[in-house]
Amino acid sequence: MADLEVWKTEALARIESVRKETAEAVSKILETSVKQAESVGRQIVGAAELEARNAQLKSLESAVNNAFDSATKKISDSTGAAYEKSIGRLIQEGLDTIGPNARIQCSGRDRRTVASALKRLGGKARVSLDENVLETIGGVVLTTPDGTIRFDNTFEARLERTKPTLRKDVAAILTGAT
């Protein structure tokens, strides 16, 4: 009977040991499962936030592009004294950049305006109006007589040069950021 009692005590101790090991294993499995669930949850939330941010950026980019398209349309519809003054400034800026001897190209629509601006320059520069007509909404392209230097001062080129800064400013306006 003593052997049976020893065996029973050992069996109960073994059962208790296995129960503890099982409880610890279950606890570790649950802990790991909770951590994995939290990780998956964070990944899902992160992916959703990224998707929302991408959708917001696409929407903002579309709005910015619409603003540029609207500005381009407004420029292409411009006429009058303010437009003529702008053309004169574009020519002067080009001459300041490449020098007083230049050939000027412009759109067919701007030929009279450019010719008038050139008359106002008088003898300050030796400038000729090129016969080639540019496909542009407005502005001018100046080249040196030998063609080695070209300064594109069309409205499209100016818009393109300032687009990164303007894009940031327009985006700030559209989002209400300062």
N, C-alpha and C. Protein backbone atom coordinates (compact mmCIF):
# COMPACT_ATOMS: atom_id res chain seq x y z
N MET A 1 0.80 -1.18 0.00
CA MET A 1 0.00 0.00 0.00
C MET A 1 0.85 1.26 0.00
N ALA A 2 1.95 1.15 0.60
CA ALA A 2 2.84 2.30 0.65
C ALA A 2 3.29 2.65 -0.77
N ASP A 3 3.51 1.62 -1.58
CA ASP A 3 3.91 1.89 -2.98
C ASP A 3 2.78 2.59 -3.73
N LEU A 4 1.59 2.16 -3.42
CA LEU A 4 0.44 2.75 -4.08
C LEU A 4 0.30 4.23 -3.68
N GLU A 5 0.54 4.50 -2.43
CA GLU A 5 0.45 5.86 -1.91
C GLU A 5 1.54 6.71 -2.56
N VAL A 6 2.74 6.19 -2.70
CA VAL A 6 3.84 6.91 -3.32
C VAL A 6 3.50 7.17 -4.79
N TRP A 7 2.97 6.10 -5.42
CA TRP A 7 2.63 6.23 -6.84
C TRP A 7 1.54 7.28 -7.02
N LYS A 8 0.54 7.27 -6.11
CA LYS A 8 -0.56 8.23 -6.18
C LYS A 8 -0.03 9.65 -5.99
N THR A 9 0.87 9.86 -5.04
CA THR A 9 1.46 11.16 -4.78
C THR A 9 2.26 11.63 -5.99
N GLU A 10 3.03 10.72 -6.57
CA GLU A 10 3.82 11.07 -7.76
C GLU A 10 2.90 11.39 -8.93
N ALA A 11 1.83 10.63 -9.07
CA ALA A 11 0.90 10.85 -10.17
C ALA A 11 0.22 12.21 -10.00
N LEU A 12 -0.21 12.51 -8.77
CA LEU A 12 -0.85 13.80 -8.53
C LEU A 12 0.13 14.95 -8.76
N ALA A 13 1.39 14.77 -8.34
CA ALA A 13 2.41 15.78 -8.57
C ALA A 13 2.64 15.96 -10.07
N ARG A 14 2.67 14.83 -10.77
CA ARG A 14 2.87 14.87 -12.23
C ARG A 14 1.70 15.55 -12.92
N ILE A 15 0.48 15.23 -12.46
CA ILE A 15 -0.72 15.86 -13.03
C ILE A 15 -0.67 17.36 -12.78
N GLU A 16 -0.31 17.76 -11.57
CA GLU A 16 -0.21 19.18 -11.24
C GLU A 16 0.85 19.85 -12.09
N SER A 17 1.97 19.20 -12.30
CA SER A 17 3.06 19.74 -13.12
C SER A 17 2.59 19.91 -14.56
N VAL A 18 1.92 18.90 -15.09
CA VAL A 18 1.41 18.96 -16.47
C VAL A 18 0.36 20.06 -16.58
N ARG A 19 -0.49 20.18 -15.54
CA ARG A 19 -1.52 21.21 -15.54
C ARG A 19 -0.88 22.61 -15.58
N LYS A 20 0.19 22.81 -14.77
CA LYS A 20 0.90 24.09 -14.77
C LYS A 20 1.53 24.36 -16.14
N GLU A 21 2.19 23.34 -16.70
CA GLU A 21 2.82 23.48 -18.02
C GLU A 21 1.77 23.80 -19.07
N THR A 22 0.64 23.13 -18.98
CA THR A 22 -0.44 23.37 -19.94
C THR A 22 -1.00 24.78 -19.77
N ALA A 23 -1.21 25.19 -18.53
CA ALA A 23 -1.71 26.54 -18.27
C ALA A 23 -0.72 27.59 -18.78
N GLU A 24 0.57 27.36 -18.57
CA GLU A 24 1.59 28.29 -19.06
C GLU A 24 1.60 28.32 -20.58
N ALA A 25 1.50 27.13 -21.20
CA ALA A 25 1.48 27.05 -22.66
C ALA A 25 0.25 27.76 -23.22
N VAL A 26 -0.91 27.53 -22.58
CA VAL A 26 -2.14 28.18 -23.02
C VAL A 26 -2.01 29.70 -22.84
N SER A 27 -1.44 30.12 -21.72
CA SER A 27 -1.24 31.54 -21.46
C SER A 27 -0.32 32.16 -22.51
N LYS A 28 0.78 31.47 -22.84
CA LYS A 28 1.69 31.97 -23.87
C LYS A 28 1.01 32.04 -25.23
N ILE A 29 0.22 31.00 -25.54
CA ILE A 29 -0.50 30.97 -26.82
C ILE A 29 -1.49 32.14 -26.88
N LEU A 30 -2.22 32.35 -25.79
CA LEU A 30 -3.17 33.47 -25.75
C LEU A 30 -2.46 34.81 -25.86
N GLU A 31 -1.35 34.95 -25.15
CA GLU A 31 -0.57 36.18 -25.19
C GLU A 31 -0.05 36.44 -26.61
N THR A 32 0.47 35.40 -27.24
CA THR A 32 0.96 35.52 -28.61
C THR A 32 -0.19 35.86 -29.56
N SER A 33 -1.33 35.22 -29.35
CA SER A 33 -2.50 35.48 -30.20
C SER A 33 -2.96 36.93 -30.05
N VAL A 34 -2.98 37.42 -28.83
CA VAL A 34 -3.39 38.80 -28.59
C VAL A 34 -2.40 39.76 -29.27
N LYS A 35 -1.11 39.48 -29.13
CA LYS A 35 -0.10 40.34 -29.76
C LYS A 35 -0.25 40.31 -31.28
N GLN A 36 -0.48 39.09 -31.84
CA GLN A 36 -0.65 38.99 -33.29
C GLN A 36 -1.92 39.73 -33.73
N ALA A 37 -2.98 39.59 -32.96
CA ALA A 37 -4.22 40.29 -33.29
C ALA A 37 -4.02 41.80 -33.25
N GLU A 38 -3.31 42.28 -32.24
CA GLU A 38 -3.02 43.72 -32.15
C GLU A 38 -2.17 44.16 -33.33
N SER A 39 -1.19 43.35 -33.68
CA SER A 39 -0.32 43.68 -34.81
C SER A 39 -1.11 43.72 -36.11
N VAL A 40 -1.95 42.72 -36.33
CA VAL A 40 -2.79 42.69 -37.53
C VAL A 40 -3.73 43.89 -37.53
N GLY A 41 -4.27 44.21 -36.36
CA GLY A 41 -5.16 45.38 -36.25
C GLY A 41 -4.43 46.66 -36.61
N ARG A 42 -3.20 46.81 -36.10
CA ARG A 42 -2.41 48.00 -36.44
C ARG A 42 -2.10 48.04 -37.94
N GLN A 43 -1.82 46.88 -38.52
CA GLN A 43 -1.53 46.84 -39.96
C GLN A 43 -2.77 47.24 -40.76
N ILE A 44 -3.92 46.75 -40.34
CA ILE A 44 -5.17 47.08 -41.04
C ILE A 44 -5.46 48.57 -40.92
N VAL A 45 -5.31 49.11 -39.72
CA VAL A 45 -5.54 50.54 -39.50
C VAL A 45 -4.52 51.35 -40.31
N GLY A 46 -3.25 50.93 -40.28
CA GLY A 46 -2.22 51.64 -41.03
C GLY A 46 -2.49 51.62 -42.52
N ALA A 47 -2.91 50.47 -43.02
CA ALA A 47 -3.23 50.36 -44.46
C ALA A 47 -4.42 51.24 -44.81
N ALA A 48 -5.42 51.26 -43.93
CA ALA A 48 -6.60 52.10 -44.18
C ALA A 48 -6.23 53.58 -44.14
N GLU A 49 -5.39 53.96 -43.18
CA GLU A 49 -4.94 55.36 -43.11
C GLU A 49 -4.15 55.74 -44.34
N LEU A 50 -3.28 54.85 -44.79
CA LEU A 50 -2.48 55.10 -45.99
C LEU A 50 -3.39 55.22 -47.22
N GLU A 51 -4.37 54.36 -47.32
CA GLU A 51 -5.30 54.41 -48.44
C GLU A 51 -6.10 55.71 -48.41
N ALA A 52 -6.52 56.11 -47.22
CA ALA A 52 -7.26 57.37 -47.09
C ALA A 52 -6.37 58.55 -47.46
N ARG A 53 -5.12 58.52 -47.03
CA ARG A 53 -4.18 59.60 -47.35
C ARG A 53 -3.92 59.66 -48.86
N ASN A 54 -3.77 58.49 -49.49
CA ASN A 54 -3.57 58.45 -50.94
C ASN A 54 -4.79 59.00 -51.67
N ALA A 55 -5.98 58.65 -51.20
CA ALA A 55 -7.20 59.16 -51.83
C ALA A 55 -7.27 60.68 -51.66
N GLN A 56 -6.88 61.17 -50.48
CA GLN A 56 -6.88 62.61 -50.23
C GLN A 56 -5.88 63.31 -51.16
N LEU A 57 -4.68 62.71 -51.30
CA LEU A 57 -3.66 63.31 -52.18
C LEU A 57 -4.11 63.32 -53.63
N LYS A 58 -4.77 62.23 -54.07
CA LYS A 58 -5.27 62.19 -55.45
C LYS A 58 -6.33 63.26 -55.66
N SER A 59 -7.20 63.41 -54.69
CA SER A 59 -8.24 64.43 -54.77
C SER A 59 -7.63 65.83 -54.80
N LEU A 60 -6.64 66.04 -53.94
CA LEU A 60 -5.95 67.33 -53.89
C LEU A 60 -5.22 67.60 -55.21
N GLU A 61 -4.55 66.58 -55.74
CA GLU A 61 -3.84 66.72 -57.01
C GLU A 61 -4.82 67.08 -58.13
N SER A 62 -5.97 66.44 -58.12
CA SER A 62 -6.99 66.75 -59.12
C SER A 62 -7.47 68.19 -58.99
N ALA A 63 -7.68 68.64 -57.76
CA ALA A 63 -8.12 70.01 -57.53
C ALA A 63 -7.04 71.01 -57.96
N VAL A 64 -5.79 70.70 -57.66
CA VAL A 64 -4.69 71.57 -58.06
C VAL A 64 -4.61 71.63 -59.59
N ASN A 65 -4.71 70.48 -60.23
CA ASN A 65 -4.67 70.47 -61.70
C ASN A 65 -5.84 71.26 -62.29
N ASN A 66 -7.01 71.15 -61.67
CA ASN A 66 -8.16 71.93 -62.14
C ASN A 66 -7.89 73.43 -61.98
N ALA A 67 -7.24 73.81 -60.88
CA ALA A 67 -6.89 75.22 -60.67
C ALA A 67 -5.92 75.69 -61.75
N PHE A 68 -4.93 74.86 -62.10
CA PHE A 68 -3.99 75.22 -63.16
C PHE A 68 -4.70 75.31 -64.51
N ASP A 69 -5.59 74.37 -64.77
CA ASP A 69 -6.34 74.40 -66.03
C ASP A 69 -7.19 75.67 -66.12
N SER A 70 -7.80 76.04 -65.01
CA SER A 70 -8.62 77.25 -64.96
C SER A 70 -7.76 78.48 -65.20
N ALA A 71 -6.59 78.52 -64.57
CA ALA A 71 -5.68 79.65 -64.76
C ALA A 71 -5.22 79.73 -66.22
N THR A 72 -4.89 78.59 -66.79
CA THR A 72 -4.46 78.56 -68.20
C THR A 72 -5.57 79.07 -69.10
N LYS A 73 -6.80 78.66 -68.84
CA LYS A 73 -7.95 79.10 -69.65
C LYS A 73 -8.12 80.62 -69.51
N LYS A 74 -8.00 81.10 -68.28
CA LYS A 74 -8.17 82.55 -68.04
C LYS A 74 -7.08 83.34 -68.77
N ILE A 75 -5.85 82.83 -68.74
CA ILE A 75 -4.74 83.50 -69.43
C ILE A 75 -5.00 83.50 -70.93
N SER A 76 -5.46 82.36 -71.45
CA SER A 76 -5.66 82.27 -72.91
C SER A 76 -6.79 83.18 -73.38
N ASP A 77 -7.68 83.55 -72.47
CA ASP A 77 -8.79 84.45 -72.84
C ASP A 77 -8.46 85.92 -72.58
N SER A 78 -7.25 86.21 -72.08
CA SER A 78 -6.88 87.58 -71.72
C SER A 78 -6.70 88.45 -72.96
N THR A 79 -7.10 89.69 -72.81
CA THR A 79 -6.91 90.71 -73.86
C THR A 79 -6.79 92.06 -73.16
N GLY A 80 -6.57 93.08 -73.94
CA GLY A 80 -6.60 94.44 -73.40
C GLY A 80 -5.25 94.95 -72.96
N ALA A 81 -5.31 96.11 -72.29
CA ALA A 81 -4.10 96.83 -71.90
C ALA A 81 -3.24 96.04 -70.91
N ALA A 82 -3.88 95.38 -69.97
CA ALA A 82 -3.11 94.61 -68.98
C ALA A 82 -2.36 93.47 -69.67
N TYR A 83 -3.01 92.83 -70.65
CA TYR A 83 -2.36 91.75 -71.38
C TYR A 83 -1.19 92.29 -72.20
N GLU A 84 -1.39 93.41 -72.86
CA GLU A 84 -0.31 94.03 -73.65
C GLU A 84 0.87 94.40 -72.75
N LYS A 85 0.58 94.92 -71.58
CA LYS A 85 1.63 95.26 -70.63
C LYS A 85 2.40 94.00 -70.20
N SER A 86 1.66 92.90 -69.98
CA SER A 86 2.30 91.63 -69.62
C SER A 86 3.24 91.15 -70.71
N ILE A 87 2.79 91.23 -71.95
CA ILE A 87 3.63 90.82 -73.08
C ILE A 87 4.90 91.68 -73.12
N GLY A 88 4.74 92.98 -72.91
CA GLY A 88 5.90 93.88 -72.89
C GLY A 88 6.89 93.49 -71.80
N ARG A 89 6.37 93.14 -70.61
CA ARG A 89 7.26 92.71 -69.51
C ARG A 89 7.96 91.39 -69.85
N LEU A 90 7.23 90.47 -70.51
CA LEU A 90 7.84 89.19 -70.89
C LEU A 90 8.99 89.42 -71.87
N ILE A 91 8.77 90.33 -72.81
CA ILE A 91 9.83 90.64 -73.78
C ILE A 91 11.03 91.26 -73.07
N GLN A 92 10.77 92.24 -72.21
CA GLN A 92 11.86 92.91 -71.49
C GLN A 92 12.63 91.91 -70.62
N GLU A 93 11.91 91.04 -69.94
CA GLU A 93 12.56 90.02 -69.11
C GLU A 93 13.47 89.12 -69.96
N GLY A 94 12.98 88.76 -71.14
CA GLY A 94 13.79 87.94 -72.05
C GLY A 94 15.03 88.67 -72.52
N LEU A 95 14.87 89.94 -72.85
CA LEU A 95 16.02 90.74 -73.30
C LEU A 95 17.03 90.91 -72.17
N ASP A 96 16.53 91.10 -70.95
CA ASP A 96 17.43 91.21 -69.80
C ASP A 96 18.20 89.91 -69.59
N THR A 97 17.61 88.81 -69.97
CA THR A 97 18.23 87.50 -69.76
C THR A 97 19.23 87.14 -70.86
N ILE A 98 18.84 87.36 -72.13
CA ILE A 98 19.73 86.90 -73.21
C ILE A 98 20.50 88.03 -73.90
N GLY A 99 20.16 89.25 -73.60
CA GLY A 99 20.85 90.37 -74.22
C GLY A 99 19.94 91.15 -75.15
N PRO A 100 20.43 92.32 -75.65
CA PRO A 100 19.57 93.23 -76.43
C PRO A 100 19.36 92.81 -77.89
N ASN A 101 20.09 91.82 -78.36
CA ASN A 101 19.91 91.35 -79.74
C ASN A 101 19.15 90.03 -79.69
N ALA A 102 17.94 90.02 -80.29
CA ALA A 102 17.15 88.80 -80.18
C ALA A 102 16.15 88.68 -81.31
N ARG A 103 15.76 87.43 -81.52
CA ARG A 103 14.61 87.12 -82.38
C ARG A 103 13.50 86.70 -81.45
N ILE A 104 12.29 87.11 -81.78
CA ILE A 104 11.14 86.79 -80.92
C ILE A 104 10.14 85.98 -81.72
N GLN A 105 9.66 84.92 -81.08
CA GLN A 105 8.58 84.13 -81.64
C GLN A 105 7.38 84.27 -80.71
N CYS A 106 6.19 84.24 -81.31
CA CYS A 106 4.97 84.32 -80.52
C CYS A 106 3.85 83.63 -81.26
N SER A 107 2.70 83.58 -80.63
CA SER A 107 1.53 82.98 -81.29
C SER A 107 1.00 83.95 -82.34
N GLY A 108 0.22 83.45 -83.26
CA GLY A 108 -0.39 84.31 -84.27
C GLY A 108 -1.27 85.37 -83.62
N ARG A 109 -1.93 85.00 -82.55
CA ARG A 109 -2.82 85.91 -81.83
C ARG A 109 -2.05 87.08 -81.22
N ASP A 110 -0.80 86.84 -80.81
CA ASP A 110 -0.01 87.87 -80.13
C ASP A 110 0.87 88.70 -81.05
N ARG A 111 0.87 88.45 -82.35
CA ARG A 111 1.80 89.15 -83.25
C ARG A 111 1.64 90.67 -83.17
N ARG A 112 0.42 91.17 -83.23
CA ARG A 112 0.21 92.63 -83.17
C ARG A 112 0.65 93.19 -81.82
N THR A 113 0.32 92.47 -80.75
CA THR A 113 0.68 92.92 -79.41
C THR A 113 2.20 92.97 -79.25
N VAL A 114 2.88 91.95 -79.75
CA VAL A 114 4.35 91.91 -79.66
C VAL A 114 4.95 93.02 -80.52
N ALA A 115 4.43 93.21 -81.73
CA ALA A 115 4.93 94.27 -82.61
C ALA A 115 4.77 95.64 -81.94
N SER A 116 3.64 95.85 -81.29
CA SER A 116 3.40 97.11 -80.59
C SER A 116 4.38 97.29 -79.43
N ALA A 117 4.62 96.21 -78.69
CA ALA A 117 5.57 96.27 -77.56
C ALA A 117 6.98 96.56 -78.07
N LEU A 118 7.34 95.98 -79.21
CA LEU A 118 8.67 96.22 -79.78
C LEU A 118 8.82 97.68 -80.21
N LYS A 119 7.77 98.28 -80.74
CA LYS A 119 7.83 99.70 -81.12
C LYS A 119 8.06 100.57 -79.89
N ARG A 120 7.43 100.20 -78.76
CA ARG A 120 7.61 100.96 -77.52
C ARG A 120 9.04 100.85 -76.99
N LEU A 121 9.73 99.75 -77.32
CA LEU A 121 11.12 99.60 -76.90
C LEU A 121 12.02 100.59 -77.63
N GLY A 122 11.59 100.96 -78.82
CA GLY A 122 12.36 101.91 -79.62
C GLY A 122 13.72 101.34 -79.99
N GLY A 123 14.77 102.15 -79.85
CA GLY A 123 16.11 101.74 -80.23
C GLY A 123 16.88 101.06 -79.11
N LYS A 124 16.23 100.73 -78.02
CA LYS A 124 16.93 100.13 -76.88
C LYS A 124 17.47 98.74 -77.20
N ALA A 125 16.86 98.08 -78.16
CA ALA A 125 17.28 96.71 -78.49
C ALA A 125 17.15 96.48 -79.98
N ARG A 126 17.95 95.56 -80.46
CA ARG A 126 17.82 95.15 -81.86
C ARG A 126 17.09 93.82 -81.86
N VAL A 127 15.80 93.91 -82.10
CA VAL A 127 14.93 92.75 -81.99
C VAL A 127 14.16 92.58 -83.28
N SER A 128 14.04 91.32 -83.70
CA SER A 128 13.22 91.05 -84.88
C SER A 128 12.14 90.04 -84.52
N LEU A 129 11.00 90.21 -85.14
CA LEU A 129 9.88 89.30 -84.92
C LEU A 129 10.00 88.17 -85.93
N ASP A 130 10.18 86.96 -85.42
CA ASP A 130 10.36 85.77 -86.25
C ASP A 130 9.06 85.45 -86.98
N GLU A 131 9.18 84.96 -88.19
CA GLU A 131 7.99 84.59 -88.98
C GLU A 131 7.33 83.31 -88.47
N ASN A 132 8.11 82.45 -87.79
CA ASN A 132 7.54 81.20 -87.28
C ASN A 132 6.54 81.50 -86.16
N VAL A 133 5.40 80.87 -86.24
CA VAL A 133 4.33 81.07 -85.27
C VAL A 133 4.40 79.96 -84.23
N LEU A 134 4.32 80.35 -82.96
CA LEU A 134 4.35 79.36 -81.87
C LEU A 134 2.94 78.87 -81.55
N GLU A 135 2.87 77.62 -81.16
CA GLU A 135 1.63 77.07 -80.63
C GLU A 135 1.67 77.29 -79.13
N THR A 136 1.08 78.37 -78.68
CA THR A 136 1.10 78.74 -77.27
C THR A 136 -0.15 79.55 -76.95
N ILE A 137 -0.52 79.58 -75.68
CA ILE A 137 -1.66 80.40 -75.28
C ILE A 137 -1.26 81.86 -75.17
N GLY A 138 0.03 82.13 -75.11
CA GLY A 138 0.50 83.51 -75.02
C GLY A 138 1.92 83.57 -74.53
N GLY A 139 2.51 84.74 -74.67
CA GLY A 139 3.89 84.91 -74.27
C GLY A 139 4.82 84.86 -75.45
N VAL A 140 6.12 84.82 -75.16
CA VAL A 140 7.12 84.89 -76.22
C VAL A 140 8.27 83.93 -75.94
N VAL A 141 8.97 83.60 -77.02
CA VAL A 141 10.23 82.87 -76.91
C VAL A 141 11.27 83.75 -77.59
N LEU A 142 12.34 84.06 -76.87
CA LEU A 142 13.42 84.88 -77.41
C LEU A 142 14.63 84.00 -77.65
N THR A 143 15.31 84.23 -78.75
CA THR A 143 16.56 83.52 -79.04
C THR A 143 17.59 84.55 -79.50
N THR A 144 18.84 84.22 -79.25
CA THR A 144 19.90 85.07 -79.78
C THR A 144 19.88 84.92 -81.30
N PRO A 145 20.42 85.89 -82.02
CA PRO A 145 20.38 85.81 -83.49
C PRO A 145 20.99 84.52 -84.04
N ASP A 146 22.03 83.97 -83.36
CA ASP A 146 22.64 82.73 -83.86
C ASP A 146 21.93 81.49 -83.31
N GLY A 147 20.91 81.68 -82.46
CA GLY A 147 20.12 80.56 -81.95
C GLY A 147 20.76 79.78 -80.81
N THR A 148 21.89 80.24 -80.29
CA THR A 148 22.59 79.47 -79.24
C THR A 148 21.90 79.59 -77.88
N ILE A 149 21.22 80.68 -77.65
CA ILE A 149 20.52 80.84 -76.38
C ILE A 149 19.04 81.02 -76.67
N ARG A 150 18.24 80.30 -75.92
CA ARG A 150 16.78 80.34 -76.09
C ARG A 150 16.16 80.58 -74.73
N PHE A 151 15.27 81.58 -74.64
CA PHE A 151 14.57 81.87 -73.40
C PHE A 151 13.08 81.77 -73.66
N ASP A 152 12.47 80.72 -73.11
CA ASP A 152 11.04 80.47 -73.31
C ASP A 152 10.28 81.21 -72.22
N ASN A 153 9.63 82.27 -72.62
CA ASN A 153 8.85 83.07 -71.68
C ASN A 153 7.38 83.05 -72.07
N THR A 154 6.93 81.89 -72.53
CA THR A 154 5.50 81.73 -72.79
C THR A 154 4.80 81.53 -71.45
N PHE A 155 3.51 81.74 -71.44
CA PHE A 155 2.77 81.56 -70.19
C PHE A 155 2.85 80.11 -69.71
N GLU A 156 2.83 79.18 -70.66
CA GLU A 156 2.92 77.76 -70.27
C GLU A 156 4.26 77.46 -69.60
N ALA A 157 5.35 78.00 -70.18
CA ALA A 157 6.69 77.76 -69.62
C ALA A 157 6.82 78.40 -68.25
N ARG A 158 6.30 79.60 -68.11
CA ARG A 158 6.36 80.29 -66.81
C ARG A 158 5.56 79.51 -65.76
N LEU A 159 4.40 79.03 -66.16
CA LEU A 159 3.58 78.24 -65.24
C LEU A 159 4.31 76.96 -64.85
N GLU A 160 4.94 76.33 -65.81
CA GLU A 160 5.69 75.09 -65.54
C GLU A 160 6.86 75.35 -64.60
N ARG A 161 7.55 76.48 -64.79
CA ARG A 161 8.69 76.80 -63.92
C ARG A 161 8.26 77.08 -62.47
N THR A 162 7.10 77.64 -62.32
CA THR A 162 6.65 77.99 -60.97
C THR A 162 5.67 76.96 -60.40
N LYS A 163 5.38 75.93 -61.16
CA LYS A 163 4.37 74.95 -60.75
C LYS A 163 4.64 74.33 -59.37
N PRO A 164 5.87 73.91 -59.06
CA PRO A 164 6.07 73.31 -57.73
C PRO A 164 5.69 74.25 -56.58
N THR A 165 6.08 75.51 -56.69
CA THR A 165 5.75 76.47 -55.65
C THR A 165 4.25 76.76 -55.65
N LEU A 166 3.72 76.98 -56.85
CA LEU A 166 2.28 77.25 -56.96
C LEU A 166 1.46 76.06 -56.47
N ARG A 167 1.91 74.86 -56.79
CA ARG A 167 1.20 73.64 -56.37
C ARG A 167 1.09 73.61 -54.85
N LYS A 168 2.20 73.93 -54.18
CA LYS A 168 2.20 73.94 -52.72
C LYS A 168 1.26 75.01 -52.20
N ASP A 169 1.29 76.20 -52.81
CA ASP A 169 0.42 77.30 -52.37
C ASP A 169 -1.06 76.97 -52.61
N VAL A 170 -1.36 76.44 -53.79
CA VAL A 170 -2.75 76.08 -54.11
C VAL A 170 -3.23 74.97 -53.17
N ALA A 171 -2.38 74.00 -52.92
CA ALA A 171 -2.74 72.91 -52.00
C ALA A 171 -3.02 73.46 -50.61
N ALA A 172 -2.20 74.41 -50.16
CA ALA A 172 -2.42 75.02 -48.84
C ALA A 172 -3.76 75.75 -48.80
N ILE A 173 -4.08 76.45 -49.87
CA ILE A 173 -5.36 77.17 -49.93
C ILE A 173 -6.52 76.17 -49.90
N LEU A 174 -6.40 75.11 -50.70
CA LEU A 174 -7.49 74.13 -50.80
C LEU A 174 -7.69 73.35 -49.50
N THR A 175 -6.62 73.13 -48.75
CA THR A 175 -6.74 72.37 -47.50
C THR A 175 -6.94 73.26 -46.29
N GLY A 176 -6.84 74.57 -46.50
CA GLY A 176 -7.01 75.49 -45.38
C GLY A 176 -5.76 75.61 -44.52
N ALA A 177 -4.64 75.03 -44.97
CA ALA A 177 -3.38 75.13 -44.22
C ALA A 177 -2.79 76.51 -44.44
N THR A 178 -1.99 76.94 -43.48
CA THR A 178 -1.35 78.26 -43.64
C THR A 178 0.12 78.11 -43.84
